[in-house]
Amino acid sequence: MKKAASSSAVSLLAVAKEAGVSRATASLVLRNSPLVAEPTRERVKEAMQRLGYIYNRGAANLRQNRTGTIGLVLSNIANPFFSTLTAGVEQSNDVSEAICLIANTAESPERQDRQIRRLREHNVDGLIICPAVGSDQGLIDALGRLGLPYVQVLREISNSQGDVVTADYAAGIEQAMAHLVETGRRRIVFIGSMEMHSAALARLDGYTTAVRRLGLTLMPVIAGTRDNRYDEEAFDRLLVSGDPPDAAICYNDIIALSLFHHLGRRGMIVGVDFAVIGMDDLPQAAAAFPALTTIATMPYRIGAVAAGLLQQRLARPERAYERHVIAPELVLRDSTRGPAARS
């Protein structure tokens, strides 16, 4: 049996000889060229593995003026929603053979600026970014000065140019409101309204539009915070008012599950005394008791589409900008199973 050479000594020519092909053919295999027949491709790959050949991707990227890396700038990586979005990005990156560097802004525009500059120092080819709360046109201008192609995900800077991939939050909220009315709920409160970035505005717009369209009374909106909490005291005041709510649409699943516990402490049965709908369809939603009805916003798909869109932008910088709005899906579970206990 032929002994494998050390990886530092293995050349592409040695691989070609081992596989019984020309060096040019071995090079085409490295570049995933469709010109190579599948049996030949497999033979070359087996020879690479046998000899311990390591492709010098850095040198190849240098020839193409690319590093093969992208920056993923997220607003809050502690939120499990973003881990699912990251998985979608990575799935697309696996196809394009790109590597992702992740940065967390913690909802700080100042930290966001520092992170973007550090990523630029590492020569990332482009960015996928969920703008931090408080971001404005200055972010887009900075990306332009740094020469960084980008795709905005989930949130977008108002009136800015560039590629965007987001969810149709308003449509999801309206669909959820219609479902609650079908189950007999008519006093529906929105819980967890955040600072006014585009995704928060879309949610609130969906709520107010549905209230008007369905002929409901607009209830006071309960404020939320960046760390996925909500104003429990304001909610309690609403519960003991003369016209208390019988259902809630929550900004996300994390707030909805927190509301579960709060209602339980008050002796209320979720799904019977009070209906709750979340947003995002995190794994915790299906595992909750009762299982949480939620608006699935497809973070995996959003991530995959955004990564693919960035690769298209890098390949053809002059192409027209695209805006992809992913349709959400209402996932019905037990937290909205029954009619309201109060008429």
C-alpha atoms as a PDB file:
ATOM      1  CA  MET A   1       0.000   0.000   0.000  1.00  0.00           C
ATOM      2  CA  LYS A   2       1.272   3.424  -0.954  1.00  0.00           C
ATOM      3  CA  LYS A   3       2.135   5.554   2.047  1.00  0.00           C
ATOM      4  CA  ALA A   4       0.433   8.960   2.195  1.00  0.00           C
ATOM      5  CA  ALA A   5       2.795  11.881   1.898  1.00  0.00           C
ATOM      6  CA  SER A   6       2.769  14.679   4.457  1.00  0.00           C
ATOM      7  CA  SER A   7       0.220  17.358   3.601  1.00  0.00           C
ATOM      8  CA  SER A   8       2.950  19.998   3.228  1.00  0.00           C
ATOM      9  CA  ALA A   9       4.615  17.918   0.467  1.00  0.00           C
ATOM     10  CA  VAL A  10       1.515  16.995  -1.518  1.00  0.00           C
ATOM     11  CA  SER A  11       1.031  18.970  -4.707  1.00  0.00           C
ATOM     12  CA  LEU A  12      -1.881  19.055  -7.090  1.00  0.00           C
ATOM     13  CA  LEU A  13       0.335  17.359  -9.668  1.00  0.00           C
ATOM     14  CA  ALA A  14       0.863  14.466  -7.236  1.00  0.00           C
ATOM     15  CA  VAL A  15      -2.898  14.170  -6.813  1.00  0.00           C
ATOM     16  CA  ALA A  16      -3.383  14.157 -10.587  1.00  0.00           C
ATOM     17  CA  LYS A  17      -0.820  11.370 -11.015  1.00  0.00           C
ATOM     18  CA  GLU A  18      -2.405   9.362  -8.199  1.00  0.00           C
ATOM     19  CA  ALA A  19      -5.838   9.682  -9.844  1.00  0.00           C
ATOM     20  CA  GLY A  20      -4.515   9.067 -13.363  1.00  0.00           C
ATOM     21  CA  VAL A  21      -5.678  12.428 -14.733  1.00  0.00           C
ATOM     22  CA  SER A  22      -4.050  15.639 -15.919  1.00  0.00           C
ATOM     23  CA  ARG A  23      -3.273  18.466 -13.535  1.00  0.00           C
ATOM     24  CA  ALA A  24      -5.801  20.607 -15.425  1.00  0.00           C
ATOM     25  CA  THR A  25      -8.540  18.047 -14.718  1.00  0.00           C
ATOM     26  CA  ALA A  26      -7.621  17.923 -11.023  1.00  0.00           C
ATOM     27  CA  SER A  27      -7.805  21.728 -10.943  1.00  0.00           C
ATOM     28  CA  LEU A  28     -11.296  21.635 -12.471  1.00  0.00           C
ATOM     29  CA  VAL A  29     -12.405  19.262  -9.733  1.00  0.00           C
ATOM     30  CA  LEU A  30     -11.197  21.735  -7.100  1.00  0.00           C
ATOM     31  CA  ARG A  31     -13.279  24.447  -8.733  1.00  0.00           C
ATOM     32  CA  ASN A  32     -16.384  22.209  -8.895  1.00  0.00           C
ATOM     33  CA  SER A  33     -16.454  22.522 -12.662  1.00  0.00           C
ATOM     34  CA  PRO A  34     -19.385  20.746 -14.366  1.00  0.00           C
ATOM     35  CA  LEU A  35     -17.005  19.781 -17.190  1.00  0.00           C
ATOM     36  CA  VAL A  36     -15.635  16.842 -15.181  1.00  0.00           C
ATOM     37  CA  ALA A  37     -17.485  13.517 -15.324  1.00  0.00           C
ATOM     38  CA  GLU A  38     -18.698  12.268 -11.946  1.00  0.00           C
ATOM     39  CA  PRO A  39     -16.563   9.065 -11.876  1.00  0.00           C
ATOM     40  CA  THR A  40     -13.451  11.144 -12.597  1.00  0.00           C
ATOM     41  CA  ARG A  41     -14.425  13.685  -9.953  1.00  0.00           C
ATOM     42  CA  GLU A  42     -14.782  10.947  -7.351  1.00  0.00           C
ATOM     43  CA  ARG A  43     -11.454   9.423  -8.328  1.00  0.00           C
ATOM     44  CA  VAL A  44      -9.676  12.748  -7.884  1.00  0.00           C
ATOM     45  CA  LYS A  45     -11.366  13.385  -4.530  1.00  0.00           C
ATOM     46  CA  GLU A  46     -10.378   9.929  -3.297  1.00  0.00           C
ATOM     47  CA  ALA A  47      -6.774  10.616  -4.340  1.00  0.00           C
ATOM     48  CA  MET A  48      -6.834  13.910  -2.413  1.00  0.00           C
ATOM     49  CA  GLN A  49      -8.072  12.165   0.697  1.00  0.00           C
ATOM     50  CA  ARG A  50      -5.609   9.320   0.335  1.00  0.00           C
ATOM     51  CA  LEU A  51      -2.618  11.652  -0.043  1.00  0.00           C
ATOM     52  CA  GLY A  52      -3.804  14.193   2.526  1.00  0.00           C
ATOM     53  CA  TYR A  53      -3.943  17.032   0.008  1.00  0.00           C
ATOM     54  CA  ILE A  54      -5.135  20.391   1.422  1.00  0.00           C
ATOM     55  CA  TYR A  55      -6.431  22.957  -1.040  1.00  0.00           C
ATOM     56  CA  ASN A  56      -4.795  26.361  -0.578  1.00  0.00           C
ATOM     57  CA  ARG A  57      -8.019  28.300  -0.700  1.00  0.00           C
ATOM     58  CA  GLY A  58      -6.317  31.453   0.523  1.00  0.00           C
ATOM     59  CA  ALA A  59      -4.079  31.570  -2.542  1.00  0.00           C
ATOM     60  CA  ALA A  60      -7.025  30.871  -4.827  1.00  0.00           C
ATOM     61  CA  ASN A  61      -9.082  33.613  -3.215  1.00  0.00           C
ATOM     62  CA  LEU A  62      -6.157  36.005  -3.510  1.00  0.00           C
ATOM     63  CA  ARG A  63      -6.093  35.415  -7.258  1.00  0.00           C
ATOM     64  CA  GLN A  64      -9.826  36.216  -7.377  1.00  0.00           C
ATOM     65  CA  ASN A  65      -9.479  39.216  -5.013  1.00  0.00           C
ATOM     66  CA  ARG A  66     -11.803  37.413  -2.563  1.00  0.00           C
ATOM     67  CA  THR A  67     -11.300  35.933   0.915  1.00  0.00           C
ATOM     68  CA  GLY A  68     -14.233  33.525   0.892  1.00  0.00           C
ATOM     69  CA  THR A  69     -15.498  34.979   4.181  1.00  0.00           C
ATOM     70  CA  ILE A  70     -18.659  36.940   4.983  1.00  0.00           C
ATOM     71  CA  GLY A  71     -19.659  38.829   8.107  1.00  0.00           C
ATOM     72  CA  LEU A  72     -22.934  38.032   9.857  1.00  0.00           C
ATOM     73  CA  VAL A  73     -23.842  40.997  12.080  1.00  0.00           C
ATOM     74  CA  LEU A  74     -26.720  40.184  14.421  1.00  0.00           C
ATOM     75  CA  SER A  75     -28.539  42.357  16.925  1.00  0.00           C
ATOM     76  CA  ASN A  76     -28.896  39.790  19.724  1.00  0.00           C
ATOM     77  CA  ILE A  77     -27.289  36.353  19.431  1.00  0.00           C
ATOM     78  CA  ALA A  78     -28.768  35.354  22.803  1.00  0.00           C
ATOM     79  CA  ASN A  79     -32.148  35.088  21.066  1.00  0.00           C
ATOM     80  CA  PRO A  80     -32.548  31.505  19.757  1.00  0.00           C
ATOM     81  CA  PHE A  81     -34.266  32.919  16.676  1.00  0.00           C
ATOM     82  CA  PHE A  82     -30.869  34.075  15.438  1.00  0.00           C
ATOM     83  CA  SER A  83     -29.262  30.654  15.834  1.00  0.00           C
ATOM     84  CA  THR A  84     -31.847  29.295  13.386  1.00  0.00           C
ATOM     85  CA  LEU A  85     -31.202  32.167  10.999  1.00  0.00           C
ATOM     86  CA  THR A  86     -27.461  31.478  11.277  1.00  0.00           C
ATOM     87  CA  ALA A  87     -28.071  27.818  10.390  1.00  0.00           C
ATOM     88  CA  GLY A  88     -29.804  28.965   7.213  1.00  0.00           C
ATOM     89  CA  VAL A  89     -26.868  31.212   6.344  1.00  0.00           C
ATOM     90  CA  GLU A  90     -24.447  28.345   6.943  1.00  0.00           C
ATOM     91  CA  GLN A  91     -26.460  25.982   4.758  1.00  0.00           C
ATOM     92  CA  SER A  92     -26.142  28.395   1.844  1.00  0.00           C
ATOM     93  CA  ASN A  93     -22.489  29.059   2.679  1.00  0.00           C
ATOM     94  CA  ASP A  94     -21.776  25.344   2.486  1.00  0.00           C
ATOM     95  CA  VAL A  95     -22.945  25.359  -1.126  1.00  0.00           C
ATOM     96  CA  SER A  96     -20.923  28.481  -2.000  1.00  0.00           C
ATOM     97  CA  GLU A  97     -17.929  27.329   0.100  1.00  0.00           C
ATOM     98  CA  ALA A  98     -17.924  30.540   2.124  1.00  0.00           C
ATOM     99  CA  ILE A  99     -17.006  30.897   5.797  1.00  0.00           C
ATOM    100  CA  CYS A 100     -19.017  33.070   8.181  1.00  0.00           C
ATOM    101  CA  LEU A 101     -17.645  35.390  10.889  1.00  0.00           C
ATOM    102  CA  ILE A 102     -20.349  36.273  13.424  1.00  0.00           C
ATOM    103  CA  ALA A 103     -20.560  39.570  15.318  1.00  0.00           C
ATOM    104  CA  ASN A 104     -23.082  40.555  17.997  1.00  0.00           C
ATOM    105  CA  THR A 105     -24.103  44.218  18.311  1.00  0.00           C
ATOM    106  CA  ALA A 106     -26.261  43.776  21.444  1.00  0.00           C
ATOM    107  CA  GLU A 107     -28.612  46.387  19.924  1.00  0.00           C
ATOM    108  CA  SER A 108     -25.915  49.082  20.121  1.00  0.00           C
ATOM    109  CA  PRO A 109     -25.230  51.186  16.985  1.00  0.00           C
ATOM    110  CA  GLU A 110     -21.840  52.154  18.430  1.00  0.00           C
ATOM    111  CA  ARG A 111     -20.821  48.538  18.967  1.00  0.00           C
ATOM    112  CA  GLN A 112     -22.237  47.726  15.550  1.00  0.00           C
ATOM    113  CA  ASP A 113     -19.906  50.280  13.982  1.00  0.00           C
ATOM    114  CA  ARG A 114     -16.896  48.788  15.780  1.00  0.00           C
ATOM    115  CA  GLN A 115     -17.818  45.237  14.781  1.00  0.00           C
ATOM    116  CA  ILE A 116     -18.265  46.167  11.126  1.00  0.00           C
ATOM    117  CA  ARG A 117     -14.867  47.866  11.059  1.00  0.00           C
ATOM    118  CA  ARG A 118     -13.223  44.818  12.628  1.00  0.00           C
ATOM    119  CA  LEU A 119     -14.851  42.552  10.070  1.00  0.00           C
ATOM    120  CA  ARG A 120     -13.594  44.859   7.322  1.00  0.00           C
ATOM    121  CA  GLU A 121     -10.100  44.607   8.797  1.00  0.00           C
ATOM    122  CA  HIS A 122     -10.412  40.845   8.372  1.00  0.00           C
ATOM    123  CA  ASN A 123     -11.223  41.461   4.695  1.00  0.00           C
ATOM    124  CA  VAL A 124     -14.674  39.882   4.634  1.00  0.00           C
ATOM    125  CA  ASP A 125     -16.166  39.966   1.154  1.00  0.00           C
ATOM    126  CA  GLY A 126     -19.525  41.311   2.339  1.00  0.00           C
ATOM    127  CA  LEU A 127     -22.048  41.467   5.180  1.00  0.00           C
ATOM    128  CA  ILE A 128     -25.408  40.095   6.166  1.00  0.00           C
ATOM    129  CA  ILE A 129     -26.702  42.502   8.786  1.00  0.00           C
ATOM    130  CA  CYS A 130     -29.724  42.885  11.050  1.00  0.00           C
ATOM    131  CA  PRO A 131     -29.423  46.594  11.929  1.00  0.00           C
ATOM    132  CA  ALA A 132     -29.291  47.424  15.643  1.00  0.00           C
ATOM    133  CA  VAL A 133     -32.058  49.504  17.184  1.00  0.00           C
ATOM    134  CA  GLY A 134     -31.301  53.151  16.456  1.00  0.00           C
ATOM    135  CA  SER A 135     -29.474  52.510  13.163  1.00  0.00           C
ATOM    136  CA  ASP A 136     -30.066  55.071  10.439  1.00  0.00           C
ATOM    137  CA  GLN A 137     -28.808  56.095   7.007  1.00  0.00           C
ATOM    138  CA  GLY A 138     -25.377  56.616   8.575  1.00  0.00           C
ATOM    139  CA  LEU A 139     -24.988  52.819   8.687  1.00  0.00           C
ATOM    140  CA  ILE A 140     -25.628  52.516   4.959  1.00  0.00           C
ATOM    141  CA  ASP A 141     -23.263  55.396   4.227  1.00  0.00           C
ATOM    142  CA  ALA A 142     -20.534  53.745   6.317  1.00  0.00           C
ATOM    143  CA  LEU A 143     -20.918  50.447   4.463  1.00  0.00           C
ATOM    144  CA  GLY A 144     -20.539  52.349   1.212  1.00  0.00           C
ATOM    145  CA  ARG A 145     -17.359  54.073   2.372  1.00  0.00           C
ATOM    146  CA  LEU A 146     -15.918  50.741   3.492  1.00  0.00           C
ATOM    147  CA  GLY A 147     -16.757  49.196   0.127  1.00  0.00           C
ATOM    148  CA  LEU A 148     -18.742  46.368   1.719  1.00  0.00           C
ATOM    149  CA  PRO A 149     -21.583  44.735  -0.240  1.00  0.00           C
ATOM    150  CA  TYR A 150     -24.405  43.889   2.173  1.00  0.00           C
ATOM    151  CA  VAL A 151     -27.823  42.326   2.612  1.00  0.00           C
ATOM    152  CA  GLN A 152     -30.145  43.617   5.337  1.00  0.00           C
ATOM    153  CA  VAL A 153     -32.146  40.894   7.076  1.00  0.00           C
ATOM    154  CA  LEU A 154     -35.353  41.177   9.127  1.00  0.00           C
ATOM    155  CA  ARG A 155     -34.975  44.931   9.645  1.00  0.00           C
ATOM    156  CA  GLU A 156     -34.114  47.588   7.105  1.00  0.00           C
ATOM    157  CA  ILE A 157     -33.106  51.233   7.193  1.00  0.00           C
ATOM    158  CA  SER A 158     -35.952  53.361   5.874  1.00  0.00           C
ATOM    159  CA  ASN A 159     -35.540  54.586   2.266  1.00  0.00           C
ATOM    160  CA  SER A 160     -32.112  52.955   1.926  1.00  0.00           C
ATOM    161  CA  GLN A 161     -30.889  51.129  -1.147  1.00  0.00           C
ATOM    162  CA  GLY A 162     -29.534  47.608  -1.122  1.00  0.00           C
ATOM    163  CA  ASP A 163     -30.645  43.996  -0.946  1.00  0.00           C
ATOM    164  CA  VAL A 164     -33.159  43.060   1.771  1.00  0.00           C
ATOM    165  CA  VAL A 165     -34.616  39.782   3.036  1.00  0.00           C
ATOM    166  CA  THR A 166     -37.363  40.047   5.628  1.00  0.00           C
ATOM    167  CA  ALA A 167     -40.633  38.506   6.782  1.00  0.00           C
ATOM    168  CA  ASP A 168     -44.120  39.871   6.138  1.00  0.00           C
ATOM    169  CA  TYR A 169     -44.722  40.622   9.804  1.00  0.00           C
ATOM    170  CA  ALA A 170     -47.884  42.653   9.216  1.00  0.00           C
ATOM    171  CA  ALA A 171     -49.535  39.864   7.214  1.00  0.00           C
ATOM    172  CA  GLY A 172     -48.662  37.347   9.920  1.00  0.00           C
ATOM    173  CA  ILE A 173     -50.200  39.505  12.653  1.00  0.00           C
ATOM    174  CA  GLU A 174     -53.354  40.072  10.610  1.00  0.00           C
ATOM    175  CA  GLN A 175     -53.740  36.333   9.999  1.00  0.00           C
ATOM    176  CA  ALA A 176     -53.332  35.643  13.720  1.00  0.00           C
ATOM    177  CA  MET A 177     -55.889  38.302  14.654  1.00  0.00           C
ATOM    178  CA  ALA A 178     -58.431  36.816  12.246  1.00  0.00           C
ATOM    179  CA  HIS A 179     -57.916  33.386  13.846  1.00  0.00           C
ATOM    180  CA  LEU A 180     -58.543  34.803  17.328  1.00  0.00           C
ATOM    181  CA  VAL A 181     -61.791  36.407  16.180  1.00  0.00           C
ATOM    182  CA  GLU A 182     -62.868  33.071  14.680  1.00  0.00           C
ATOM    183  CA  THR A 183     -62.425  31.480  18.118  1.00  0.00           C
ATOM    184  CA  GLY A 184     -64.617  34.120  19.763  1.00  0.00           C
ATOM    185  CA  ARG A 185     -61.972  36.535  21.016  1.00  0.00           C
ATOM    186  CA  ARG A 186     -62.575  40.227  20.400  1.00  0.00           C
ATOM    187  CA  ARG A 187     -60.556  42.070  23.052  1.00  0.00           C
ATOM    188  CA  ILE A 188     -57.078  41.463  21.744  1.00  0.00           C
ATOM    189  CA  VAL A 189     -54.029  43.256  23.147  1.00  0.00           C
ATOM    190  CA  PHE A 190     -50.597  43.572  21.544  1.00  0.00           C
ATOM    191  CA  ILE A 191     -47.831  42.834  24.056  1.00  0.00           C
ATOM    192  CA  GLY A 192     -44.159  43.686  23.687  1.00  0.00           C
ATOM    193  CA  SER A 193     -44.081  46.674  21.361  1.00  0.00           C
ATOM    194  CA  MET A 194     -40.388  47.488  20.901  1.00  0.00           C
ATOM    195  CA  GLU A 195     -38.456  50.583  19.917  1.00  0.00           C
ATOM    196  CA  MET A 196     -39.397  51.617  16.441  1.00  0.00           C
ATOM    197  CA  HIS A 197     -37.249  49.724  13.949  1.00  0.00           C
ATOM    198  CA  SER A 198     -38.841  48.464  10.733  1.00  0.00           C
ATOM    199  CA  ALA A 199     -39.801  45.004  12.042  1.00  0.00           C
ATOM    200  CA  ALA A 200     -41.471  46.496  15.123  1.00  0.00           C
ATOM    201  CA  LEU A 201     -43.347  49.041  13.013  1.00  0.00           C
ATOM    202  CA  ALA A 202     -44.586  46.275  10.689  1.00  0.00           C
ATOM    203  CA  ARG A 203     -45.910  44.241  13.622  1.00  0.00           C
ATOM    204  CA  LEU A 204     -47.733  47.209  15.115  1.00  0.00           C
ATOM    205  CA  ASP A 205     -49.106  48.186  11.714  1.00  0.00           C
ATOM    206  CA  GLY A 206     -50.434  44.660  11.222  1.00  0.00           C
ATOM    207  CA  TYR A 207     -52.147  44.822  14.617  1.00  0.00           C
ATOM    208  CA  THR A 208     -53.817  48.217  14.120  1.00  0.00           C
ATOM    209  CA  THR A 209     -54.838  47.361  10.553  1.00  0.00           C
ATOM    210  CA  ALA A 210     -56.468  44.128  11.720  1.00  0.00           C
ATOM    211  CA  VAL A 211     -58.288  45.909  14.553  1.00  0.00           C
ATOM    212  CA  ARG A 212     -59.871  48.276  12.021  1.00  0.00           C
ATOM    213  CA  ARG A 213     -60.610  45.597   9.437  1.00  0.00           C
ATOM    214  CA  LEU A 214     -62.199  43.235  11.968  1.00  0.00           C
ATOM    215  CA  GLY A 215     -64.207  45.966  13.710  1.00  0.00           C
ATOM    216  CA  LEU A 216     -62.484  45.539  17.075  1.00  0.00           C
ATOM    217  CA  THR A 217     -61.784  48.076  19.799  1.00  0.00           C
ATOM    218  CA  LEU A 218     -58.151  49.206  19.827  1.00  0.00           C
ATOM    219  CA  MET A 219     -56.663  48.324  23.204  1.00  0.00           C
ATOM    220  CA  PRO A 220     -53.658  49.987  24.866  1.00  0.00           C
ATOM    221  CA  VAL A 221     -50.417  48.533  23.510  1.00  0.00           C
ATOM    222  CA  ILE A 222     -48.159  46.976  26.162  1.00  0.00           C
ATOM    223  CA  ALA A 223     -44.529  48.045  25.842  1.00  0.00           C
ATOM    224  CA  GLY A 224     -41.632  45.615  25.573  1.00  0.00           C
ATOM    225  CA  THR A 225     -37.873  45.910  26.046  1.00  0.00           C
ATOM    226  CA  ARG A 226     -34.752  44.917  24.113  1.00  0.00           C
ATOM    227  CA  ASP A 227     -34.202  41.952  26.448  1.00  0.00           C
ATOM    228  CA  ASN A 228     -37.634  40.474  25.610  1.00  0.00           C
ATOM    229  CA  ARG A 229     -39.526  41.597  28.696  1.00  0.00           C
ATOM    230  CA  TYR A 230     -42.820  43.454  28.810  1.00  0.00           C
ATOM    231  CA  ASP A 231     -44.567  45.876  31.171  1.00  0.00           C
ATOM    232  CA  GLU A 232     -46.339  43.434  33.517  1.00  0.00           C
ATOM    233  CA  GLU A 233     -47.809  46.219  35.643  1.00  0.00           C
ATOM    234  CA  ALA A 234     -49.464  47.845  32.617  1.00  0.00           C
ATOM    235  CA  PHE A 235     -50.836  44.453  31.581  1.00  0.00           C
ATOM    236  CA  ASP A 236     -52.194  43.804  35.085  1.00  0.00           C
ATOM    237  CA  ARG A 237     -53.951  47.180  35.101  1.00  0.00           C
ATOM    238  CA  LEU A 238     -55.586  46.229  31.809  1.00  0.00           C
ATOM    239  CA  LEU A 239     -56.704  42.854  33.199  1.00  0.00           C
ATOM    240  CA  VAL A 240     -58.554  44.491  36.121  1.00  0.00           C
ATOM    241  CA  SER A 241     -60.062  47.292  34.006  1.00  0.00           C
ATOM    242  CA  GLY A 242     -63.702  47.447  33.008  1.00  0.00           C
ATOM    243  CA  ASP A 243     -62.900  46.035  29.558  1.00  0.00           C
ATOM    244  CA  PRO A 244     -60.117  43.461  30.055  1.00  0.00           C
ATOM    245  CA  PRO A 245     -58.516  41.621  27.134  1.00  0.00           C
ATOM    246  CA  ASP A 246     -59.304  37.982  26.389  1.00  0.00           C
ATOM    247  CA  ALA A 247     -56.338  37.354  24.063  1.00  0.00           C
ATOM    248  CA  ALA A 248     -52.855  38.617  23.260  1.00  0.00           C
ATOM    249  CA  ILE A 249     -50.638  38.812  20.225  1.00  0.00           C
ATOM    250  CA  CYS A 250     -47.039  38.894  21.453  1.00  0.00           C
ATOM    251  CA  TYR A 251     -44.017  40.466  19.768  1.00  0.00           C
ATOM    252  CA  ASN A 252     -42.214  37.116  19.832  1.00  0.00           C
ATOM    253  CA  ASP A 253     -42.358  33.638  21.364  1.00  0.00           C
ATOM    254  CA  ILE A 254     -40.081  34.563  24.260  1.00  0.00           C
ATOM    255  CA  ILE A 255     -42.533  37.209  25.475  1.00  0.00           C
ATOM    256  CA  ALA A 256     -45.484  34.869  24.840  1.00  0.00           C
ATOM    257  CA  LEU A 257     -43.957  32.140  27.022  1.00  0.00           C
ATOM    258  CA  SER A 258     -43.233  34.686  29.743  1.00  0.00           C
ATOM    259  CA  LEU A 259     -46.892  35.690  29.556  1.00  0.00           C
ATOM    260  CA  PHE A 260     -47.869  32.029  30.079  1.00  0.00           C
ATOM    261  CA  HIS A 261     -46.211  32.071  33.498  1.00  0.00           C
ATOM    262  CA  HIS A 262     -47.727  35.418  34.439  1.00  0.00           C
ATOM    263  CA  LEU A 263     -51.253  34.266  33.575  1.00  0.00           C
ATOM    264  CA  GLY A 264     -50.698  31.025  35.476  1.00  0.00           C
ATOM    265  CA  ARG A 265     -49.711  32.959  38.599  1.00  0.00           C
ATOM    266  CA  ARG A 266     -53.031  34.774  38.318  1.00  0.00           C
ATOM    267  CA  GLY A 267     -54.923  31.460  38.141  1.00  0.00           C
ATOM    268  CA  MET A 268     -55.851  31.834  34.458  1.00  0.00           C
ATOM    269  CA  ILE A 269     -55.815  28.895  32.045  1.00  0.00           C
ATOM    270  CA  VAL A 270     -54.035  29.681  28.776  1.00  0.00           C
ATOM    271  CA  GLY A 271     -56.141  28.604  25.836  1.00  0.00           C
ATOM    272  CA  VAL A 272     -59.393  28.721  27.826  1.00  0.00           C
ATOM    273  CA  ASP A 273     -59.510  31.895  29.942  1.00  0.00           C
ATOM    274  CA  PHE A 274     -57.012  33.710  27.766  1.00  0.00           C
ATOM    275  CA  ALA A 275     -55.614  32.999  24.293  1.00  0.00           C
ATOM    276  CA  VAL A 276     -51.967  33.696  23.446  1.00  0.00           C
ATOM    277  CA  ILE A 277     -50.174  33.864  20.093  1.00  0.00           C
ATOM    278  CA  GLY A 278     -46.427  34.336  19.719  1.00  0.00           C
ATOM    279  CA  MET A 279     -44.175  34.983  16.753  1.00  0.00           C
ATOM    280  CA  ASP A 280     -41.149  33.139  15.297  1.00  0.00           C
ATOM    281  CA  ASP A 281     -42.026  29.459  16.040  1.00  0.00           C
ATOM    282  CA  LEU A 282     -39.009  28.724  18.210  1.00  0.00           C
ATOM    283  CA  PRO A 283     -38.555  25.078  19.288  1.00  0.00           C
ATOM    284  CA  GLN A 284     -39.737  26.100  22.766  1.00  0.00           C
ATOM    285  CA  ALA A 285     -43.156  27.025  21.335  1.00  0.00           C
ATOM    286  CA  ALA A 286     -44.136  23.440  20.502  1.00  0.00           C
ATOM    287  CA  ALA A 287     -42.638  22.142  23.777  1.00  0.00           C
ATOM    288  CA  ALA A 288     -44.542  24.586  26.005  1.00  0.00           C
ATOM    289  CA  PHE A 289     -47.616  23.625  28.042  1.00  0.00           C
ATOM    290  CA  PRO A 290     -49.983  24.328  26.533  1.00  0.00           C
ATOM    291  CA  ALA A 291     -48.250  24.320  23.158  1.00  0.00           C
ATOM    292  CA  LEU A 292     -48.005  27.857  21.813  1.00  0.00           C
ATOM    293  CA  THR A 293     -49.841  28.995  18.708  1.00  0.00           C
ATOM    294  CA  THR A 294     -47.350  31.144  16.841  1.00  0.00           C
ATOM    295  CA  ILE A 295     -46.533  32.924  13.609  1.00  0.00           C
ATOM    296  CA  ALA A 296     -43.653  31.086  11.935  1.00  0.00           C
ATOM    297  CA  THR A 297     -41.395  33.716  10.349  1.00  0.00           C
ATOM    298  CA  MET A 298     -39.038  31.217   8.646  1.00  0.00           C
ATOM    299  CA  PRO A 299     -35.651  32.360  10.034  1.00  0.00           C
ATOM    300  CA  TYR A 300     -33.824  29.411   8.424  1.00  0.00           C
ATOM    301  CA  ARG A 301     -35.191  30.308   5.007  1.00  0.00           C
ATOM    302  CA  ILE A 302     -34.454  34.015   5.533  1.00  0.00           C
ATOM    303  CA  GLY A 303     -30.844  33.207   6.387  1.00  0.00           C
ATOM    304  CA  ALA A 304     -30.390  30.906   3.397  1.00  0.00           C
ATOM    305  CA  VAL A 305     -31.949  33.402   0.971  1.00  0.00           C
ATOM    306  CA  ALA A 306     -29.843  36.249   2.354  1.00  0.00           C
ATOM    307  CA  ALA A 307     -26.580  34.308   2.019  1.00  0.00           C
ATOM    308  CA  GLY A 308     -27.430  33.300  -1.537  1.00  0.00           C
ATOM    309  CA  LEU A 309     -28.352  36.872  -2.396  1.00  0.00           C
ATOM    310  CA  LEU A 310     -25.040  38.152  -1.025  1.00  0.00           C
ATOM    311  CA  GLN A 311     -23.100  35.662  -3.156  1.00  0.00           C
ATOM    312  CA  GLN A 312     -25.008  36.874  -6.230  1.00  0.00           C
ATOM    313  CA  ARG A 313     -24.155  40.461  -5.312  1.00  0.00           C
ATOM    314  CA  LEU A 314     -20.464  39.569  -4.957  1.00  0.00           C
ATOM    315  CA  ALA A 315     -20.462  37.801  -8.310  1.00  0.00           C
ATOM    316  CA  ARG A 316     -22.303  40.648 -10.080  1.00  0.00           C
ATOM    317  CA  PRO A 317     -22.004  43.937  -8.177  1.00  0.00           C
ATOM    318  CA  GLU A 318     -23.894  45.827 -10.880  1.00  0.00           C
ATOM    319  CA  ARG A 319     -27.100  43.750 -10.673  1.00  0.00           C
ATOM    320  CA  ALA A 320     -30.355  45.392  -9.611  1.00  0.00           C
ATOM    321  CA  TYR A 321     -31.151  45.382  -5.893  1.00  0.00           C
ATOM    322  CA  GLU A 322     -33.638  42.783  -4.680  1.00  0.00           C
ATOM    323  CA  ARG A 323     -36.115  42.775  -1.806  1.00  0.00           C
ATOM    324  CA  HIS A 324     -37.419  39.383  -0.690  1.00  0.00           C
ATOM    325  CA  VAL A 325     -40.396  39.308   1.696  1.00  0.00           C
ATOM    326  CA  ILE A 326     -40.954  35.826   3.096  1.00  0.00           C
ATOM    327  CA  ALA A 327     -44.574  34.880   3.791  1.00  0.00           C
ATOM    328  CA  PRO A 328     -45.165  33.737   7.395  1.00  0.00           C
ATOM    329  CA  GLU A 329     -47.314  30.789   8.449  1.00  0.00           C
ATOM    330  CA  LEU A 330     -49.737  30.605  11.372  1.00  0.00           C
ATOM    331  CA  VAL A 331     -49.029  27.428  13.370  1.00  0.00           C
ATOM    332  CA  LEU A 332     -52.132  26.493  15.385  1.00  0.00           C
ATOM    333  CA  ARG A 333     -51.621  24.878  18.788  1.00  0.00           C
ATOM    334  CA  ASP A 334     -53.387  24.641  22.164  1.00  0.00           C
ATOM    335  CA  SER A 335     -52.861  28.188  23.427  1.00  0.00           C
ATOM    336  CA  THR A 336     -55.786  29.330  21.243  1.00  0.00           C
ATOM    337  CA  ARG A 337     -57.788  26.116  21.317  1.00  0.00           C
ATOM    338  CA  GLY A 338     -61.059  27.253  22.944  1.00  0.00           C
ATOM    339  CA  PRO A 339     -63.545  30.117  22.983  1.00  0.00           C
ATOM    340  CA  ALA A 340     -63.148  32.930  25.479  1.00  0.00           C
ATOM    341  CA  ALA A 341     -64.528  32.185  28.908  1.00  0.00           C
ATOM    342  CA  ARG A 342     -66.069  35.680  29.033  1.00  0.00           C
ATOM    343  CA  SER A 343     -68.511  36.878  26.400  1.00  0.00           C
END
